[in-house]
Amino acid sequence: MSQAQQAALIEAFLEMMSAERGAAKNTLESYGRDLAGFADFLSRRKRHLENADTPIIRRYLEGLSSAGVSAATAARHLSALRQFYRFLLADGLREEDPTSNIAGPRHRRPLPHVLSEPEIDRLLEAAHARDATPKGVRLSCMLEILYATGLRVGEMVSLPLSAIGSHPHLLMVRGKGGRERLTPLGEPAKAALEAYLTERTYFLPASGVSRYLFPSRGAQGHLTRHRFAQLLGELAAEAGLPSRAISPHSLRHAFATHLLAHGADLRAVQQMLGHADISTTEIYTHVLDHRMQALVRQHHPLAQQ
């Protein structure tokens, strides 16, 4: 098989992932690079994608590890290979899947600094202290929404006005891969949203019209991720919190961590975070571990002795 034929095979796989699986652009680009790297690895050994076997795939992954590639990146390479060979198998281009017996690298992705509940309270108090101005009301609203829903910051800043819909306690969110989900809003977030909507016209462009919930006069038409991160850093400093350790994503982690700490089901948290695979949500199971240990200490009869 020539290099052009291998490239065409990878391209066909990526088209399938986009059309049938709704894979995100970043995922497609990563998988494309990973598969091209594997094809290059094979060609230097006079092998090709369609006849690669389990031993050579193992050698490739071992080489990544030896080169200092992180466990998370190696896991992504293996995921790309698994999906690719399942695609070949389904299309009758392979009679077996050479990745079926290869275990992924064991790792637990480290969490960033997880804000405690008192720290979240301090951050919200600092935000509400700015509520005398439209910009302050907007910041309070965005902060309440992030903590109440666990949205990705990119999902939040680009929310369309239609995301509010007819139900005041729900947001319709379009996440990675175009997947839609309904996310509930608690009372504080709902109140902050209602207060912001009375000030929204302040941020509209000259035309007076915008499809975004958080419009801006900038090129993107809505408040950018970068600008929100700047505002959050300023707010953290005002609240006496370490601004370097606080990012929009740390609010998403706080949402998931605090939910689980208070007894939420992991599957429900997965759905609210918009994770396609529950293994992504399992980085938060350290919270469940601590809670289970506490339950044993408090209620098991032997623990009282």
Foldseek 3Di string as FASTA:
>chain_A
DDPVVQLVLLVVLLVCCCPPVLAFPVLSVLLSVLSNVVQVVQVVVVHGLLPDAQVVVVVVLVVCVVVVNDLVSSQSSLVSLQSSQVVCCVVVSHVDRRSPPPDRDDDQDDDFDADDPVLLVLLLVLLVVPVVDLVSLVLNLLSLCCLFQLEDLVQQQQFFPCQCPDDLQWGWTQDGSRDIAITGHDPSNSVSLVSNVVSQQVAQEPVSDARHSAAHNDPVRTDDQVVSQVVSLVSCVVSVHNSVRDGSNSSSVNNLLVCVLVPDDLVVNCRSNVPPDSVVSCSNCVSVVVVVVVCCCVDPPVNVD
